[in-house]
Each structure stands twice: as C-alpha cells, then as structure tokens.
Protein backbone atom coordinates (compact mmCIF):
# COMPACT_ATOMS: atom_id res chain seq x y z
CA MET A 1 26.58 -28.95 -14.62
CA LEU A 2 26.96 -25.19 -14.21
CA LYS A 3 23.27 -24.75 -14.99
CA ASN A 4 22.31 -27.25 -12.26
CA LEU A 5 24.63 -25.52 -9.80
CA LEU A 6 22.99 -22.16 -10.54
CA ILE A 7 19.51 -23.64 -10.11
CA VAL A 8 20.42 -25.22 -6.76
CA THR A 9 22.10 -22.01 -5.59
CA GLY A 10 19.04 -19.97 -6.55
CA PHE A 11 16.75 -22.38 -4.74
CA LEU A 12 18.87 -22.25 -1.59
CA ILE A 13 18.96 -18.46 -1.62
CA SER A 14 15.18 -18.20 -2.03
CA ALA A 15 14.56 -20.87 0.63
CA THR A 16 16.86 -19.07 3.05
CA PHE A 17 15.08 -15.81 2.38
CA SER A 18 11.65 -17.39 2.89
CA PHE A 19 12.58 -18.96 6.19
CA SER A 20 14.38 -15.88 7.45
CA GLN A 21 11.31 -13.65 7.21
CA GLU A 22 10.02 -12.85 10.65
CA ILE A 23 6.68 -11.90 12.08
CA ASP A 24 6.41 -8.16 12.56
CA SER A 25 7.06 -7.42 16.23
CA ARG A 26 4.03 -5.12 16.42
CA ILE A 27 1.72 -7.95 15.39
CA LEU A 28 3.36 -10.28 17.92
CA LYS A 29 2.82 -7.66 20.60
CA ASN A 30 -0.81 -7.06 19.60
CA LYS A 31 -1.88 -10.66 18.98
CA GLY A 32 0.52 -12.78 21.05
CA LYS A 33 0.68 -16.49 20.18
CA GLU A 34 -2.24 -16.04 17.79
CA ALA A 35 0.12 -14.05 15.53
CA GLU A 36 2.25 -17.13 14.96
CA LYS A 37 -0.79 -19.18 13.90
CA ILE A 38 -2.01 -16.42 11.60
CA TYR A 39 1.45 -16.08 10.05
CA GLU A 40 1.78 -19.81 9.48
CA TYR A 41 -1.74 -20.73 8.37
CA ASN A 42 -3.33 -17.58 6.96
CA LYS A 43 -0.79 -15.30 5.30
CA ASN A 44 -3.44 -13.02 3.81
CA SER A 45 -4.81 -12.26 7.30
CA TYR A 46 -1.26 -11.57 8.45
CA TYR A 47 -0.75 -9.18 5.52
CA TYR A 48 -4.04 -7.49 6.39
CA LEU A 49 -2.89 -6.92 9.98
CA LEU A 50 0.35 -5.47 8.68
CA PHE A 51 -1.52 -3.30 6.17
CA GLU A 52 -3.80 -2.10 8.97
CA LEU A 53 -0.84 -1.04 11.11
CA ASP A 54 0.84 0.84 8.27
CA HIS A 55 -2.08 2.23 6.24
CA SER A 56 -5.01 2.88 8.57
CA TYR A 57 -4.15 6.48 9.33
CA GLU A 58 -2.79 9.69 7.94
CA VAL A 59 -1.54 12.95 9.39
CA VAL A 60 -3.44 16.01 8.20
CA SER A 61 -3.49 19.71 8.91
CA LYS A 62 -6.07 20.64 11.53
CA ASN A 63 -7.16 23.47 9.23
CA SER A 64 -8.10 20.98 6.50
CA LEU A 65 -10.81 19.43 8.68
CA SER A 66 -14.43 20.49 8.73
CA ARG A 67 -15.88 22.10 11.86
CA GLU A 68 -17.62 18.82 12.75
CA GLN A 69 -14.36 16.88 12.37
CA ARG A 70 -12.45 19.43 14.46
CA ASN A 71 -15.09 19.14 17.19
CA SER A 72 -14.57 15.38 17.36
CA ILE A 73 -10.78 15.56 17.85
CA ARG A 74 -9.68 13.47 20.80
CA LYS A 75 -7.14 15.12 23.05
CA ASP A 76 -6.89 12.32 25.62
CA ILE A 77 -3.94 10.67 23.88
CA VAL A 78 -0.60 12.44 24.09
CA PHE A 79 2.26 11.58 21.75
CA THR A 80 5.84 12.17 22.88
CA ASP A 81 8.36 13.61 20.44
CA SER A 82 9.74 10.13 19.73
CA ASP A 83 6.17 8.83 19.15
CA LYS A 84 5.64 11.63 16.64
CA MET A 85 8.84 10.67 14.85
CA ASN A 86 7.64 7.05 14.58
CA ILE A 87 4.32 7.92 12.97
CA GLY A 88 4.43 6.77 9.37
CA THR A 89 7.20 4.23 10.03
CA SER A 90 7.19 0.53 10.75
CA ASN A 91 7.92 1.37 14.41
CA PHE A 92 4.54 3.00 15.02
CA ASN A 93 1.96 0.80 16.74
CA PHE A 94 -1.25 2.69 17.47
CA TYR A 95 -2.43 -0.18 19.68
CA ASP A 96 0.25 0.92 22.18
CA PHE A 97 -1.85 4.02 22.79
CA GLY A 98 -5.11 2.17 23.31
CA ILE A 99 -6.42 3.23 19.92
CA LYS A 100 -9.01 0.81 18.57
CA LEU A 101 -10.22 1.26 15.02
CA SER A 102 -13.93 1.97 14.69
CA LYS A 103 -16.33 -0.17 12.67
CA SER A 104 -18.26 2.88 11.52
CA GLU A 105 -16.42 6.17 11.75
CA ARG A 106 -13.08 7.85 11.47
CA GLN A 107 -11.25 8.96 14.59
CA TYR A 108 -9.33 12.20 14.96
CA ILE A 109 -6.50 12.49 17.46
CA GLN A 110 -4.57 15.67 18.21
CA LEU A 111 -0.90 15.31 17.26
CA ASP A 112 0.20 18.89 17.94
CA LYS A 113 -1.30 22.36 17.58
CA GLU A 114 -1.47 22.19 13.78
CA ARG A 115 -1.75 18.48 12.98
CA VAL A 116 -4.19 15.66 13.57
CA VAL A 117 -3.86 11.91 13.04
CA VAL A 118 -6.92 10.57 11.23
CA PHE A 119 -7.65 6.87 11.73
CA TYR A 120 -9.89 5.37 9.09
CA ALA A 121 -12.90 3.20 9.85
CA ILE A 122 -12.41 -0.55 9.37
CA PRO A 123 -14.53 -0.73 6.16
CA GLU A 124 -12.30 1.93 4.56
CA ILE A 125 -9.17 -0.02 5.45
CA THR A 126 -10.64 -3.29 4.20
CA LYS A 127 -11.63 -1.69 0.90
CA ALA A 128 -8.12 -0.25 0.45
CA PHE A 129 -6.58 -3.63 1.24
CA THR A 130 -8.60 -5.36 -1.49
CA THR A 131 -6.69 -3.35 -4.12
CA SER A 132 -3.34 -3.49 -2.33
CA PRO A 133 -0.43 -5.53 -3.70
CA SER A 134 -0.22 -7.00 -0.16
CA ASN A 135 -3.52 -8.78 -0.70
CA THR A 136 -2.75 -12.31 -1.82
CA LYS A 137 -6.33 -13.34 -2.62
C-alpha cells in the first residue's frame, strides 16, 4: 500500500513538472506561433534553438583577436549597460539587436573598448550541439 502510494506520488510530481515546463520566452519572441509547434512536435529542434541562443557566442578580449578579425568588428550595434549585464544569461536574446548568425563566418561585434562579442557561424554551433547533452537524438 505504502509502495503504491509512493509510486503514484512520484508519477504525479513528475507529470506536474513535465507539464509546468514552459517555452523559453526568447524563442516565443523570435519564432511566434511556430515556437509552440516546434516545442510540441520536435523537442530536439526546440533544444537546438535554445542551445543557439545560449551557446552561439562568447565575449573575448579585443587584444586576443588577429588583425583581420579586429578589422571586421562591427560597431553598428550598441549595447546598453543592462544589455551588457544580460550577455551570458538566459535573458540575452541577440535577435533583439538584429543579429543574424552567418552560414559561413564568425561575426565580431564591439562590446566596449576592450571586449568583443564573437558569434559563431551556424556550422560551428551545429557541430557543438551534436555533442551537447541538450541534443536528444
């Protein structure tokens, strides 16, 4: 009896947790209604979109870049102080700044005088996702 009660309780807790998970608001903002379909019917694609938002960039020292990389730094995007604080968190959505990931090359965007945000090319992100624990395939 106690064993059955524990099993039922465990099932209810896991079911509640499963149904209480929500679609990341950044993906909803970026994809609209399509995000709901992706979340419901293709979880791995959803996890890829989430991975892309969280792992497609890094902040590096401007001095660590080659001359060619420094020459390709975009300065047309300006981050506010609160934007800078959100970089690296689940609140940062690079699509809000009109940043589109490239199919062939990395992008370099000036963060401040000493730092640059490097956005990886799509093939680099895809390759990283294949070995990520987020990948369900």
